Amino acid sequence: MNQMSFLSHSRFTILLIVMLLLNLTRLATVTHHQNPFLLNLLGAMILITATMSLCVERRSRTIALLLGIPAIGLTLSRNLFPGSEVHLVLMSAHVTSMLFLAFVVAMILQSLMTQSAVTRDSIAGAFCGYVLMGVIFAEIFCLLELNVPNSFQVGSTFPDWTDDPLQRWLTLEYFSLTTLTTLGFGDVTPITPVARGLAVFEAICGQFYLAVLVAGLVNLRASRP
């Protein structure tokens, strides 16, 4: 099996492994030393891996590069700009990352919906799509908080969480993933109507994803002779 054939049959497994390794590394980094550039580098590596996982067909490779290169560049450089420009850079970074990740999830869903059999790679793809959906909503929540401050209320543990872009991202990513899974500890609360509406929509999307996609994969698996 040549390299391209291996990539086409294991692209989502590779993406899942890298996501797990990088997030474990990020947990250790956050616990011991919150270095914004290092954490941005880890995020960029996930974007790069996602780009590589889509580089099987020419059209998807082109779109992935057009969306991924700006997202990776802005993710790496958003802490290097002066204060007067950081707001615009942060906005651009969140928008480009959101668009790119939405494309990745769309490609994952397209692949899963058109396959004729369930494989270990397709299961990995389903998991990646689910997690990346939570990351997309985290980007949306960050955009909302940047444009409409105090859209979310956080407990007294982090009173100045909105002043630090890194802390804001980690807090809203945590809120997004707990909302997606309908876990909802309640320590981060959406306050404005838009924030509440987005949180409800994310919870619905998460349950719809599990009910429809996972049920479809199970049915496809069961229908095999």
N, C-alpha and C. Protein backbone atom coordinates (compact mmCIF):
# COMPACT_ATOMS: atom_id res chain seq x y z
N MET A 1 0.85 -1.19 0.00
CA MET A 1 0.00 0.00 0.00
C MET A 1 0.89 1.24 0.00
N ASN A 2 0.69 2.13 -1.01
CA ASN A 2 1.53 3.32 -1.09
C ASN A 2 1.12 4.36 -0.07
N GLN A 3 1.89 5.45 -0.03
CA GLN A 3 1.67 6.46 1.01
C GLN A 3 0.31 7.12 0.90
N MET A 4 -0.10 7.48 -0.34
CA MET A 4 -1.39 8.15 -0.51
C MET A 4 -2.54 7.22 -0.18
N SER A 5 -2.40 5.93 -0.50
CA SER A 5 -3.45 4.98 -0.16
C SER A 5 -3.56 4.82 1.35
N PHE A 6 -2.42 4.77 2.03
CA PHE A 6 -2.44 4.68 3.49
C PHE A 6 -3.10 5.90 4.10
N LEU A 7 -2.78 7.10 3.57
CA LEU A 7 -3.36 8.33 4.09
C LEU A 7 -4.86 8.35 3.89
N SER A 8 -5.33 7.91 2.72
CA SER A 8 -6.76 7.94 2.44
C SER A 8 -7.54 6.97 3.31
N HIS A 9 -6.89 5.90 3.77
CA HIS A 9 -7.58 4.91 4.60
C HIS A 9 -7.39 5.15 6.09
N SER A 10 -6.48 6.05 6.47
CA SER A 10 -6.19 6.26 7.89
C SER A 10 -6.16 7.73 8.26
N ARG A 11 -6.69 8.60 7.42
CA ARG A 11 -6.54 10.03 7.66
C ARG A 11 -7.21 10.49 8.94
N PHE A 12 -8.39 9.96 9.25
CA PHE A 12 -9.09 10.39 10.46
C PHE A 12 -8.47 9.76 11.71
N THR A 13 -7.93 8.57 11.58
CA THR A 13 -7.23 7.95 12.70
C THR A 13 -5.99 8.76 13.07
N ILE A 14 -5.26 9.21 12.04
CA ILE A 14 -4.09 10.05 12.29
C ILE A 14 -4.50 11.36 12.96
N LEU A 15 -5.57 11.97 12.46
CA LEU A 15 -6.07 13.21 13.05
C LEU A 15 -6.46 13.00 14.51
N LEU A 16 -7.14 11.90 14.81
CA LEU A 16 -7.56 11.62 16.18
C LEU A 16 -6.36 11.44 17.10
N ILE A 17 -5.36 10.68 16.66
CA ILE A 17 -4.18 10.44 17.49
C ILE A 17 -3.46 11.75 17.79
N VAL A 18 -3.29 12.58 16.76
CA VAL A 18 -2.60 13.86 16.95
C VAL A 18 -3.41 14.77 17.88
N MET A 19 -4.72 14.81 17.71
CA MET A 19 -5.58 15.63 18.58
C MET A 19 -5.44 15.20 20.03
N LEU A 20 -5.44 13.88 20.28
CA LEU A 20 -5.33 13.39 21.64
C LEU A 20 -3.96 13.72 22.24
N LEU A 21 -2.89 13.50 21.46
CA LEU A 21 -1.55 13.78 21.96
C LEU A 21 -1.34 15.27 22.23
N LEU A 22 -1.81 16.10 21.31
CA LEU A 22 -1.61 17.54 21.49
C LEU A 22 -2.44 18.08 22.65
N ASN A 23 -3.63 17.53 22.85
CA ASN A 23 -4.44 18.01 23.96
C ASN A 23 -3.89 17.55 25.30
N LEU A 24 -3.31 16.35 25.34
CA LEU A 24 -2.63 15.93 26.56
C LEU A 24 -1.44 16.83 26.85
N THR A 25 -0.69 17.18 25.80
CA THR A 25 0.43 18.11 25.96
C THR A 25 -0.06 19.47 26.42
N ARG A 26 -1.18 19.91 25.88
CA ARG A 26 -1.72 21.21 26.26
C ARG A 26 -2.17 21.22 27.72
N LEU A 27 -2.76 20.12 28.18
CA LEU A 27 -3.16 20.04 29.58
C LEU A 27 -1.96 20.19 30.50
N ALA A 28 -0.86 19.52 30.14
CA ALA A 28 0.35 19.64 30.95
C ALA A 28 0.91 21.05 30.89
N THR A 29 0.82 21.68 29.72
CA THR A 29 1.33 23.04 29.56
C THR A 29 0.51 24.04 30.36
N VAL A 30 -0.80 23.91 30.32
CA VAL A 30 -1.68 24.81 31.06
C VAL A 30 -1.48 24.65 32.56
N THR A 31 -1.28 23.41 32.99
CA THR A 31 -1.13 23.14 34.42
C THR A 31 0.16 23.74 34.98
N HIS A 32 1.24 23.65 34.21
CA HIS A 32 2.55 24.03 34.75
C HIS A 32 3.06 25.37 34.23
N HIS A 33 2.68 25.74 33.01
CA HIS A 33 3.25 26.99 32.47
C HIS A 33 2.37 27.47 31.32
N GLN A 34 1.59 28.49 31.56
CA GLN A 34 0.68 28.99 30.53
C GLN A 34 1.45 29.91 29.57
N ASN A 35 2.03 29.31 28.56
CA ASN A 35 2.77 30.04 27.53
C ASN A 35 1.85 30.24 26.33
N PRO A 36 1.39 31.48 26.06
CA PRO A 36 0.43 31.69 24.98
C PRO A 36 0.94 31.23 23.62
N PHE A 37 2.21 31.51 23.33
CA PHE A 37 2.72 31.12 22.01
C PHE A 37 2.79 29.61 21.87
N LEU A 38 3.20 28.90 22.94
CA LEU A 38 3.27 27.45 22.88
C LEU A 38 1.89 26.85 22.69
N LEU A 39 0.90 27.38 23.40
CA LEU A 39 -0.46 26.87 23.25
C LEU A 39 -1.01 27.18 21.86
N ASN A 40 -0.69 28.36 21.33
CA ASN A 40 -1.10 28.68 19.96
C ASN A 40 -0.42 27.74 18.97
N LEU A 41 0.83 27.38 19.24
CA LEU A 41 1.55 26.46 18.38
C LEU A 41 0.89 25.09 18.38
N LEU A 42 0.45 24.63 19.54
CA LEU A 42 -0.25 23.36 19.62
C LEU A 42 -1.56 23.41 18.84
N GLY A 43 -2.28 24.54 18.95
CA GLY A 43 -3.50 24.69 18.17
C GLY A 43 -3.22 24.69 16.68
N ALA A 44 -2.14 25.34 16.28
CA ALA A 44 -1.78 25.37 14.86
C ALA A 44 -1.42 23.98 14.36
N MET A 45 -0.80 23.17 15.20
CA MET A 45 -0.45 21.81 14.80
C MET A 45 -1.69 20.97 14.53
N ILE A 46 -2.74 21.20 15.32
CA ILE A 46 -4.00 20.50 15.06
C ILE A 46 -4.56 20.93 13.71
N LEU A 47 -4.49 22.23 13.41
CA LEU A 47 -4.97 22.72 12.12
C LEU A 47 -4.15 22.14 10.97
N ILE A 48 -2.84 22.05 11.16
CA ILE A 48 -1.97 21.49 10.12
C ILE A 48 -2.31 20.02 9.88
N THR A 49 -2.50 19.28 10.98
CA THR A 49 -2.85 17.86 10.84
C THR A 49 -4.19 17.70 10.14
N ALA A 50 -5.14 18.56 10.49
CA ALA A 50 -6.44 18.50 9.82
C ALA A 50 -6.30 18.79 8.34
N THR A 51 -5.44 19.74 8.00
CA THR A 51 -5.20 20.05 6.58
C THR A 51 -4.63 18.84 5.86
N MET A 52 -3.64 18.19 6.47
CA MET A 52 -3.03 17.02 5.86
C MET A 52 -4.03 15.88 5.70
N SER A 53 -4.95 15.75 6.66
CA SER A 53 -5.92 14.66 6.57
C SER A 53 -6.90 14.86 5.42
N LEU A 54 -7.01 16.10 4.92
CA LEU A 54 -7.93 16.38 3.82
C LEU A 54 -7.22 16.45 2.47
N CYS A 55 -5.91 16.25 2.46
CA CYS A 55 -5.13 16.41 1.24
C CYS A 55 -5.10 15.14 0.41
N VAL A 56 -6.23 14.50 0.23
CA VAL A 56 -6.31 13.30 -0.60
C VAL A 56 -6.81 13.65 -1.99
N GLU A 57 -7.89 14.42 -2.05
CA GLU A 57 -8.41 14.86 -3.33
C GLU A 57 -7.93 16.28 -3.61
N ARG A 58 -7.76 16.58 -4.89
CA ARG A 58 -7.18 17.87 -5.27
C ARG A 58 -8.06 19.04 -4.85
N ARG A 59 -9.36 18.92 -5.09
CA ARG A 59 -10.25 20.04 -4.75
C ARG A 59 -10.28 20.30 -3.26
N SER A 60 -10.43 19.24 -2.46
CA SER A 60 -10.45 19.42 -1.01
C SER A 60 -9.12 19.93 -0.50
N ARG A 61 -8.01 19.49 -1.13
CA ARG A 61 -6.69 19.96 -0.73
C ARG A 61 -6.56 21.46 -0.98
N THR A 62 -7.06 21.92 -2.11
CA THR A 62 -6.98 23.35 -2.43
C THR A 62 -7.79 24.18 -1.45
N ILE A 63 -9.02 23.76 -1.19
CA ILE A 63 -9.88 24.50 -0.26
C ILE A 63 -9.28 24.48 1.14
N ALA A 64 -8.76 23.32 1.55
CA ALA A 64 -8.16 23.21 2.89
C ALA A 64 -6.98 24.15 3.04
N LEU A 65 -6.16 24.26 2.00
CA LEU A 65 -5.01 25.15 2.07
C LEU A 65 -5.44 26.61 2.08
N LEU A 66 -6.45 26.96 1.27
CA LEU A 66 -6.92 28.34 1.22
C LEU A 66 -7.51 28.78 2.56
N LEU A 67 -8.18 27.87 3.24
CA LEU A 67 -8.76 28.19 4.54
C LEU A 67 -7.77 27.97 5.68
N GLY A 68 -6.91 26.97 5.53
CA GLY A 68 -6.04 26.59 6.63
C GLY A 68 -4.84 27.49 6.82
N ILE A 69 -4.24 27.96 5.73
CA ILE A 69 -3.04 28.79 5.85
C ILE A 69 -3.32 30.09 6.63
N PRO A 70 -4.38 30.85 6.30
CA PRO A 70 -4.67 32.04 7.12
C PRO A 70 -4.98 31.70 8.57
N ALA A 71 -5.72 30.59 8.78
CA ALA A 71 -6.07 30.21 10.16
C ALA A 71 -4.82 29.87 10.96
N ILE A 72 -3.90 29.12 10.35
CA ILE A 72 -2.67 28.74 11.05
C ILE A 72 -1.80 29.97 11.31
N GLY A 73 -1.66 30.83 10.28
CA GLY A 73 -0.83 32.02 10.44
C GLY A 73 -1.34 32.95 11.52
N LEU A 74 -2.64 33.20 11.55
CA LEU A 74 -3.21 34.09 12.55
C LEU A 74 -3.18 33.46 13.94
N THR A 75 -3.36 32.15 14.01
CA THR A 75 -3.30 31.47 15.30
C THR A 75 -1.92 31.59 15.92
N LEU A 76 -0.89 31.47 15.11
CA LEU A 76 0.48 31.56 15.61
C LEU A 76 0.89 32.99 15.97
N SER A 77 0.35 33.97 15.24
CA SER A 77 0.85 35.35 15.39
C SER A 77 -0.06 36.26 16.18
N ARG A 78 -1.18 35.76 16.69
CA ARG A 78 -2.15 36.68 17.30
C ARG A 78 -1.66 37.30 18.60
N ASN A 79 -0.62 36.72 19.24
CA ASN A 79 -0.08 37.32 20.45
C ASN A 79 1.14 38.20 20.19
N LEU A 80 1.46 38.41 18.91
CA LEU A 80 2.64 39.18 18.56
C LEU A 80 2.33 40.61 18.15
N PHE A 81 1.05 40.96 18.07
CA PHE A 81 0.67 42.29 17.61
C PHE A 81 0.49 43.23 18.80
N PRO A 82 0.66 44.53 18.57
CA PRO A 82 0.47 45.52 19.65
C PRO A 82 -0.99 45.58 20.08
N GLY A 83 -1.20 46.19 21.25
CA GLY A 83 -2.53 46.22 21.82
C GLY A 83 -3.58 46.85 20.93
N SER A 84 -3.21 47.86 20.15
CA SER A 84 -4.19 48.55 19.31
C SER A 84 -4.71 47.67 18.18
N GLU A 85 -3.98 46.64 17.83
CA GLU A 85 -4.37 45.78 16.72
C GLU A 85 -4.80 44.39 17.15
N VAL A 86 -4.64 44.08 18.42
CA VAL A 86 -4.87 42.71 18.87
C VAL A 86 -6.34 42.31 18.72
N HIS A 87 -7.27 43.26 18.90
CA HIS A 87 -8.68 42.92 18.79
C HIS A 87 -9.01 42.44 17.38
N LEU A 88 -8.55 43.18 16.38
CA LEU A 88 -8.81 42.80 15.00
C LEU A 88 -8.16 41.47 14.65
N VAL A 89 -6.93 41.26 15.14
CA VAL A 89 -6.23 40.01 14.86
C VAL A 89 -6.95 38.83 15.52
N LEU A 90 -7.40 39.02 16.75
CA LEU A 90 -8.13 37.96 17.44
C LEU A 90 -9.43 37.64 16.71
N MET A 91 -10.13 38.66 16.27
CA MET A 91 -11.36 38.45 15.51
C MET A 91 -11.08 37.64 14.24
N SER A 92 -10.05 38.05 13.50
CA SER A 92 -9.70 37.37 12.26
C SER A 92 -9.28 35.93 12.52
N ALA A 93 -8.52 35.71 13.59
CA ALA A 93 -8.08 34.35 13.92
C ALA A 93 -9.25 33.44 14.23
N HIS A 94 -10.21 33.95 15.01
CA HIS A 94 -11.38 33.14 15.35
C HIS A 94 -12.24 32.85 14.12
N VAL A 95 -12.41 33.84 13.25
CA VAL A 95 -13.24 33.65 12.06
C VAL A 95 -12.61 32.63 11.12
N THR A 96 -11.31 32.79 10.83
CA THR A 96 -10.66 31.88 9.90
C THR A 96 -10.59 30.46 10.46
N SER A 97 -10.31 30.34 11.74
CA SER A 97 -10.28 29.00 12.36
C SER A 97 -11.65 28.36 12.33
N MET A 98 -12.69 29.15 12.59
CA MET A 98 -14.05 28.63 12.58
C MET A 98 -14.43 28.12 11.19
N LEU A 99 -14.11 28.90 10.14
CA LEU A 99 -14.43 28.50 8.78
C LEU A 99 -13.68 27.25 8.38
N PHE A 100 -12.39 27.20 8.74
CA PHE A 100 -11.60 26.03 8.38
C PHE A 100 -12.11 24.78 9.08
N LEU A 101 -12.38 24.87 10.37
CA LEU A 101 -12.85 23.72 11.12
C LEU A 101 -14.23 23.28 10.64
N ALA A 102 -15.07 24.24 10.25
CA ALA A 102 -16.37 23.88 9.70
C ALA A 102 -16.20 23.09 8.40
N PHE A 103 -15.22 23.47 7.60
CA PHE A 103 -14.93 22.72 6.37
C PHE A 103 -14.45 21.31 6.71
N VAL A 104 -13.59 21.19 7.72
CA VAL A 104 -13.10 19.88 8.13
C VAL A 104 -14.26 18.98 8.56
N VAL A 105 -15.16 19.52 9.38
CA VAL A 105 -16.31 18.73 9.85
C VAL A 105 -17.19 18.35 8.67
N ALA A 106 -17.39 19.27 7.73
CA ALA A 106 -18.20 18.96 6.55
C ALA A 106 -17.58 17.84 5.74
N MET A 107 -16.26 17.86 5.59
CA MET A 107 -15.57 16.81 4.85
C MET A 107 -15.67 15.47 5.57
N ILE A 108 -15.58 15.51 6.90
CA ILE A 108 -15.72 14.28 7.67
C ILE A 108 -17.12 13.69 7.48
N LEU A 109 -18.14 14.55 7.58
CA LEU A 109 -19.52 14.08 7.42
C LEU A 109 -19.75 13.54 6.02
N GLN A 110 -19.22 14.24 5.02
CA GLN A 110 -19.38 13.76 3.64
C GLN A 110 -18.75 12.39 3.46
N SER A 111 -17.58 12.20 4.04
CA SER A 111 -16.90 10.92 3.93
C SER A 111 -17.69 9.81 4.62
N LEU A 112 -18.23 10.12 5.80
CA LEU A 112 -18.96 9.11 6.56
C LEU A 112 -20.28 8.76 5.90
N MET A 113 -20.93 9.75 5.29
CA MET A 113 -22.23 9.51 4.69
C MET A 113 -22.15 8.76 3.35
N THR A 114 -21.01 8.81 2.71
CA THR A 114 -20.88 8.20 1.38
C THR A 114 -20.13 6.88 1.39
N GLN A 115 -19.65 6.45 2.54
CA GLN A 115 -18.90 5.20 2.58
C GLN A 115 -19.85 4.01 2.57
N SER A 116 -19.34 2.89 2.13
CA SER A 116 -20.16 1.68 2.01
C SER A 116 -19.99 0.73 3.18
N ALA A 117 -19.01 1.00 4.03
CA ALA A 117 -18.76 0.12 5.17
C ALA A 117 -18.19 0.92 6.33
N VAL A 118 -18.42 0.42 7.53
CA VAL A 118 -17.90 1.07 8.73
C VAL A 118 -16.52 0.50 9.03
N THR A 119 -15.55 1.39 9.18
CA THR A 119 -14.18 0.99 9.50
C THR A 119 -13.72 1.68 10.77
N ARG A 120 -12.57 1.28 11.25
CA ARG A 120 -12.02 1.95 12.43
C ARG A 120 -11.72 3.42 12.13
N ASP A 121 -11.34 3.70 10.89
CA ASP A 121 -11.05 5.08 10.52
C ASP A 121 -12.32 5.92 10.51
N SER A 122 -13.43 5.34 10.07
CA SER A 122 -14.69 6.10 10.06
C SER A 122 -15.18 6.38 11.47
N ILE A 123 -14.95 5.45 12.39
CA ILE A 123 -15.31 5.69 13.79
C ILE A 123 -14.45 6.81 14.37
N ALA A 124 -13.16 6.79 14.03
CA ALA A 124 -12.28 7.88 14.46
C ALA A 124 -12.73 9.20 13.88
N GLY A 125 -13.18 9.18 12.61
CA GLY A 125 -13.67 10.40 11.97
C GLY A 125 -14.91 10.93 12.66
N ALA A 126 -15.82 10.03 13.05
CA ALA A 126 -17.03 10.47 13.76
C ALA A 126 -16.68 11.14 15.07
N PHE A 127 -15.70 10.59 15.79
CA PHE A 127 -15.28 11.19 17.06
C PHE A 127 -14.62 12.54 16.83
N CYS A 128 -13.74 12.62 15.82
CA CYS A 128 -13.08 13.89 15.51
C CYS A 128 -14.10 14.97 15.16
N GLY A 129 -15.08 14.60 14.34
CA GLY A 129 -16.12 15.56 13.95
C GLY A 129 -16.88 16.09 15.15
N TYR A 130 -17.16 15.20 16.10
CA TYR A 130 -17.91 15.60 17.30
C TYR A 130 -17.10 16.60 18.14
N VAL A 131 -15.82 16.30 18.36
CA VAL A 131 -14.98 17.19 19.16
C VAL A 131 -14.76 18.51 18.44
N LEU A 132 -14.50 18.45 17.15
CA LEU A 132 -14.25 19.68 16.38
C LEU A 132 -15.49 20.56 16.33
N MET A 133 -16.68 19.96 16.39
CA MET A 133 -17.89 20.76 16.47
C MET A 133 -17.89 21.62 17.73
N GLY A 134 -17.43 21.04 18.83
CA GLY A 134 -17.32 21.80 20.07
C GLY A 134 -16.30 22.91 19.96
N VAL A 135 -15.20 22.68 19.23
CA VAL A 135 -14.18 23.71 19.05
C VAL A 135 -14.72 24.85 18.18
N ILE A 136 -15.53 24.51 17.17
CA ILE A 136 -16.15 25.54 16.32
C ILE A 136 -17.03 26.46 17.16
N PHE A 137 -17.84 25.89 18.03
CA PHE A 137 -18.69 26.72 18.87
C PHE A 137 -17.86 27.53 19.87
N ALA A 138 -16.73 27.01 20.30
CA ALA A 138 -15.84 27.79 21.17
C ALA A 138 -15.34 29.03 20.44
N GLU A 139 -15.02 28.88 19.15
CA GLU A 139 -14.62 30.04 18.35
C GLU A 139 -15.77 31.04 18.25
N ILE A 140 -16.98 30.55 18.07
CA ILE A 140 -18.15 31.43 17.97
C ILE A 140 -18.37 32.17 19.29
N PHE A 141 -18.23 31.46 20.41
CA PHE A 141 -18.41 32.08 21.72
C PHE A 141 -17.35 33.15 21.97
N CYS A 142 -16.12 32.88 21.53
CA CYS A 142 -15.05 33.88 21.69
C CYS A 142 -15.35 35.12 20.86
N LEU A 143 -15.84 34.93 19.64
CA LEU A 143 -16.23 36.07 18.81
C LEU A 143 -17.33 36.88 19.48
N LEU A 144 -18.29 36.18 20.06
CA LEU A 144 -19.39 36.88 20.73
C LEU A 144 -18.89 37.68 21.92
N GLU A 145 -18.02 37.08 22.72
CA GLU A 145 -17.50 37.76 23.91
C GLU A 145 -16.63 38.96 23.52
N LEU A 146 -15.92 38.85 22.42
CA LEU A 146 -15.10 39.97 21.95
C LEU A 146 -15.96 41.14 21.52
N ASN A 147 -17.08 40.86 20.87
CA ASN A 147 -17.95 41.92 20.34
C ASN A 147 -19.00 42.38 21.34
N VAL A 148 -19.45 41.47 22.18
CA VAL A 148 -20.45 41.81 23.21
C VAL A 148 -19.91 41.34 24.56
N PRO A 149 -19.07 42.17 25.21
CA PRO A 149 -18.47 41.76 26.49
C PRO A 149 -19.54 41.41 27.52
N ASN A 150 -19.16 40.50 28.42
CA ASN A 150 -20.04 40.04 29.50
C ASN A 150 -21.23 39.25 28.98
N SER A 151 -21.05 38.59 27.83
CA SER A 151 -22.09 37.68 27.35
C SER A 151 -22.14 36.41 28.18
N PHE A 152 -21.03 36.13 28.91
CA PHE A 152 -20.94 34.94 29.74
C PHE A 152 -20.50 35.35 31.14
N GLN A 153 -21.03 34.66 32.11
CA GLN A 153 -20.67 34.92 33.51
C GLN A 153 -19.93 33.70 34.04
N VAL A 154 -18.76 33.97 34.63
CA VAL A 154 -17.92 32.90 35.18
C VAL A 154 -17.84 33.10 36.68
N GLY A 155 -17.72 32.00 37.41
CA GLY A 155 -17.61 32.06 38.87
C GLY A 155 -16.42 32.89 39.33
N SER A 156 -16.31 33.08 40.60
CA SER A 156 -15.29 33.97 41.17
C SER A 156 -13.87 33.42 41.08
N THR A 157 -13.72 32.20 40.58
CA THR A 157 -12.38 31.61 40.49
C THR A 157 -11.49 32.40 39.54
N PHE A 158 -12.06 32.87 38.41
CA PHE A 158 -11.31 33.64 37.42
C PHE A 158 -12.03 34.97 37.17
N PRO A 159 -11.89 35.93 38.08
CA PRO A 159 -12.63 37.19 37.94
C PRO A 159 -12.21 38.01 36.72
N ASP A 160 -10.96 37.85 36.27
CA ASP A 160 -10.44 38.65 35.15
C ASP A 160 -10.24 37.79 33.90
N TRP A 161 -11.10 36.80 33.70
CA TRP A 161 -10.88 35.84 32.62
C TRP A 161 -11.01 36.48 31.24
N THR A 162 -11.78 37.56 31.11
CA THR A 162 -11.94 38.19 29.79
C THR A 162 -10.75 39.05 29.40
N ASP A 163 -9.89 39.40 30.35
CA ASP A 163 -8.75 40.27 30.04
C ASP A 163 -7.61 39.52 29.35
N ASP A 164 -7.58 38.22 29.50
CA ASP A 164 -6.51 37.41 28.93
C ASP A 164 -7.09 36.55 27.80
N PRO A 165 -6.64 36.76 26.54
CA PRO A 165 -7.17 35.97 25.42
C PRO A 165 -7.03 34.47 25.62
N LEU A 166 -5.93 34.04 26.23
CA LEU A 166 -5.71 32.62 26.48
C LEU A 166 -6.73 32.08 27.47
N GLN A 167 -6.90 32.79 28.59
CA GLN A 167 -7.87 32.35 29.60
C GLN A 167 -9.29 32.39 29.06
N ARG A 168 -9.59 33.39 28.24
CA ARG A 168 -10.93 33.48 27.63
C ARG A 168 -11.19 32.28 26.72
N TRP A 169 -10.18 31.92 25.91
CA TRP A 169 -10.35 30.78 25.01
C TRP A 169 -10.53 29.48 25.79
N LEU A 170 -9.67 29.25 26.81
CA LEU A 170 -9.76 28.01 27.57
C LEU A 170 -11.09 27.90 28.30
N THR A 171 -11.58 29.02 28.82
CA THR A 171 -12.85 29.01 29.54
C THR A 171 -14.01 28.71 28.61
N LEU A 172 -14.03 29.37 27.45
CA LEU A 172 -15.16 29.19 26.54
C LEU A 172 -15.07 27.86 25.78
N GLU A 173 -13.88 27.34 25.59
CA GLU A 173 -13.77 25.99 25.02
C GLU A 173 -14.32 24.96 26.00
N TYR A 174 -13.98 25.14 27.27
CA TYR A 174 -14.52 24.26 28.31
C TYR A 174 -16.04 24.36 28.35
N PHE A 175 -16.58 25.59 28.29
CA PHE A 175 -18.02 25.77 28.30
C PHE A 175 -18.66 25.12 27.07
N SER A 176 -18.01 25.27 25.92
CA SER A 176 -18.55 24.71 24.69
C SER A 176 -18.65 23.19 24.75
N LEU A 177 -17.59 22.54 25.21
CA LEU A 177 -17.59 21.08 25.24
C LEU A 177 -18.56 20.53 26.28
N THR A 178 -18.70 21.22 27.41
CA THR A 178 -19.69 20.76 28.40
C THR A 178 -21.11 21.00 27.91
N THR A 179 -21.30 22.03 27.09
CA THR A 179 -22.62 22.28 26.51
C THR A 179 -22.93 21.27 25.42
N LEU A 180 -21.94 20.97 24.57
CA LEU A 180 -22.13 20.01 23.48
C LEU A 180 -22.56 18.65 24.02
N THR A 181 -21.96 18.25 25.12
CA THR A 181 -22.28 16.96 25.71
C THR A 181 -23.46 17.02 26.68
N THR A 182 -24.06 18.21 26.81
CA THR A 182 -25.17 18.48 27.75
C THR A 182 -24.78 18.15 29.18
N LEU A 183 -23.48 18.26 29.49
CA LEU A 183 -23.02 18.02 30.86
C LEU A 183 -23.37 19.21 31.74
N GLY A 184 -22.97 20.41 31.32
CA GLY A 184 -23.40 21.65 31.94
C GLY A 184 -23.21 21.74 33.44
N PHE A 185 -21.98 21.98 33.90
CA PHE A 185 -21.74 22.11 35.34
C PHE A 185 -22.36 23.38 35.91
N GLY A 186 -22.55 24.40 35.09
CA GLY A 186 -23.16 25.63 35.56
C GLY A 186 -22.19 26.67 36.08
N ASP A 187 -20.87 26.39 36.03
CA ASP A 187 -19.90 27.37 36.50
C ASP A 187 -19.63 28.45 35.47
N VAL A 188 -20.02 28.22 34.22
CA VAL A 188 -19.99 29.24 33.18
C VAL A 188 -21.40 29.36 32.64
N THR A 189 -21.94 30.58 32.67
CA THR A 189 -23.35 30.76 32.35
C THR A 189 -23.52 31.78 31.23
N PRO A 190 -24.26 31.44 30.17
CA PRO A 190 -24.57 32.45 29.14
C PRO A 190 -25.58 33.45 29.69
N ILE A 191 -25.33 34.75 29.49
CA ILE A 191 -26.16 35.79 30.07
C ILE A 191 -27.07 36.44 29.03
N THR A 192 -26.50 36.81 27.89
CA THR A 192 -27.29 37.53 26.88
C THR A 192 -28.17 36.55 26.10
N PRO A 193 -29.24 37.05 25.48
CA PRO A 193 -30.11 36.18 24.68
C PRO A 193 -29.36 35.46 23.56
N VAL A 194 -28.42 36.15 22.91
CA VAL A 194 -27.66 35.52 21.82
C VAL A 194 -26.81 34.38 22.36
N ALA A 195 -26.14 34.61 23.49
CA ALA A 195 -25.30 33.57 24.09
C ALA A 195 -26.15 32.37 24.50
N ARG A 196 -27.31 32.61 25.07
CA ARG A 196 -28.18 31.51 25.46
C ARG A 196 -28.69 30.75 24.24
N GLY A 197 -29.05 31.49 23.21
CA GLY A 197 -29.53 30.85 21.99
C GLY A 197 -28.47 29.97 21.35
N LEU A 198 -27.23 30.46 21.31
CA LEU A 198 -26.14 29.68 20.74
C LEU A 198 -25.86 28.42 21.58
N ALA A 199 -25.95 28.55 22.90
CA ALA A 199 -25.70 27.41 23.77
C ALA A 199 -26.77 26.33 23.55
N VAL A 200 -28.02 26.74 23.44
CA VAL A 200 -29.09 25.79 23.18
C VAL A 200 -28.90 25.12 21.82
N PHE A 201 -28.55 25.92 20.82
CA PHE A 201 -28.35 25.39 19.48
C PHE A 201 -27.21 24.38 19.46
N GLU A 202 -26.13 24.67 20.21
CA GLU A 202 -25.01 23.73 20.25
C GLU A 202 -25.44 22.41 20.89
N ALA A 203 -26.19 22.48 21.98
CA ALA A 203 -26.65 21.26 22.64
C ALA A 203 -27.52 20.43 21.70
N ILE A 204 -28.39 21.10 20.93
CA ILE A 204 -29.24 20.38 19.97
C ILE A 204 -28.39 19.74 18.88
N CYS A 205 -27.39 20.48 18.37
CA CYS A 205 -26.51 19.95 17.33
C CYS A 205 -25.75 18.73 17.84
N GLY A 206 -25.29 18.79 19.08
CA GLY A 206 -24.55 17.66 19.64
C GLY A 206 -25.40 16.41 19.75
N GLN A 207 -26.63 16.56 20.21
CA GLN A 207 -27.51 15.40 20.32
C GLN A 207 -27.95 14.89 18.96
N PHE A 208 -28.19 15.81 18.01
CA PHE A 208 -28.57 15.41 16.66
C PHE A 208 -27.43 14.65 16.00
N TYR A 209 -26.22 15.11 16.21
CA TYR A 209 -25.04 14.44 15.65
C TYR A 209 -24.97 13.00 16.14
N LEU A 210 -25.11 12.82 17.45
CA LEU A 210 -25.03 11.48 18.00
C LEU A 210 -26.18 10.61 17.54
N ALA A 211 -27.39 11.16 17.55
CA ALA A 211 -28.57 10.36 17.21
C ALA A 211 -28.57 9.93 15.75
N VAL A 212 -28.23 10.85 14.85
CA VAL A 212 -28.33 10.56 13.41
C VAL A 212 -27.08 9.87 12.89
N LEU A 213 -25.91 10.47 13.12
CA LEU A 213 -24.69 9.92 12.53
C LEU A 213 -24.32 8.58 13.14
N VAL A 214 -24.27 8.52 14.47
CA VAL A 214 -23.88 7.27 15.12
C VAL A 214 -24.89 6.17 14.83
N ALA A 215 -26.18 6.52 14.85
CA ALA A 215 -27.20 5.52 14.52
C ALA A 215 -27.05 5.03 13.08
N GLY A 216 -26.69 5.95 12.18
CA GLY A 216 -26.47 5.56 10.79
C GLY A 216 -25.29 4.62 10.65
N LEU A 217 -24.20 4.88 11.39
CA LEU A 217 -23.04 4.00 11.34
C LEU A 217 -23.37 2.62 11.90
N VAL A 218 -24.12 2.60 12.98
CA VAL A 218 -24.52 1.31 13.58
C VAL A 218 -25.39 0.53 12.59
N ASN A 219 -26.34 1.23 11.95
CA ASN A 219 -27.21 0.57 10.98
C ASN A 219 -26.42 0.04 9.80
N LEU A 220 -25.43 0.82 9.33
CA LEU A 220 -24.59 0.39 8.21
C LEU A 220 -23.78 -0.83 8.59
N ARG A 221 -23.30 -0.84 9.82
CA ARG A 221 -22.53 -1.98 10.31
C ARG A 221 -23.41 -3.22 10.42
N ALA A 222 -24.64 -3.03 10.93
CA ALA A 222 -25.54 -4.17 11.12
C ALA A 222 -26.04 -4.74 9.80
N SER A 223 -26.10 -3.93 8.75
CA SER A 223 -26.63 -4.38 7.47
C SER A 223 -25.62 -5.16 6.64
N ARG A 224 -24.35 -5.17 7.09
CA ARG A 224 -23.34 -5.93 6.35
C ARG A 224 -23.57 -7.42 6.52
N PRO A 225 -23.42 -8.20 5.45
CA PRO A 225 -23.64 -9.64 5.55
C PRO A 225 -22.58 -10.31 6.40
